[in-house]
Amino acid sequence: MANILTILVFITLYGLSMLGGKKGTVYFITGLILHGGYILYRFFHLGWLPVTERYDILLTMSFCVAISFFYFRKKVDLNLLLETLPLFVIILSLFAVFQPRMDTIDPSMDSVWFFVHLVFLISGYAFFTISSVAGIIYLRKKSVIHETIQYRLSLFGWLLFSFSLIGGSTWFFLTYGSYWLWTAKELWITIAWFYYSFYLHSRMKSSLSGRPAVIIGVLGFPIIIFSYLGVMPILGSPWSQF
């Protein structure tokens, strides 16, 4: 119960930060500190990186997104940033609340390659989410620099996501003797990878550059959320823990 209350407290602080202004900044940074402190607690409690189950993965991912506040702060109007960024952090954190918390690790996951896979996966998804923030800011402010930021963040996220697939395939082969299984989860991971590949290419086409490409990039967020959280309850997948 204390864990859930802690999460709800920093979610509330993130929500209050959307009021904007200096008070909003104070609320956001306070929530960020509490958020980071809880992740550190999970690290010392578990004895390994808190990235082996959805509960911890989503909280770590949302924390990475929250940290981007310091990147955007000098590039975006403060009130506009506080109206946009906290919403994505709150969404990811709320998803974590509804995930079961497990304090053990499956022996098959106790592998360097598994941790490599998940660290890159979390980083890639975080960059995709942050790129959606930049895209929404562009749609509201119509500043070319934010469209460029969205593209660069998506490109970096795509590279990290690609590395996560390599790490995951290597771990899977060493553990199960196969590089890939075409379950619903693997299928949607592939769809997410191709979707962002399409976005990166669409920006270079004159017919899609600008606002259409930005919208395509922003819509990537619900796609990665479904590929990560929606596949198991709707389509079923044996890899439900992470």
Foldseek 3Di string as FASTA:
>chain_A
DVLLVLLVQLLVLLVCLLVWDPSSVVSLVVSLVSLVVVQVVLCVLLVHRQQQFLLSLLSVLLSLLSVCCVVCVVPADGNLLSNQSSVLSSVSSVVSSPGDDDSDHDPLCPDPLNVLLRVLLSQLLSLLQNLLSLLVRCVVPVDVVSPVSSLVSNVSSLVSNVSSLVSQQVSCCVRPVGSDDPAQLRVLSVVLSVLSVVLNVQCVDPVCNDNNSSVSSNVSNVSVVCSLQVCCVPPNDPPNGD
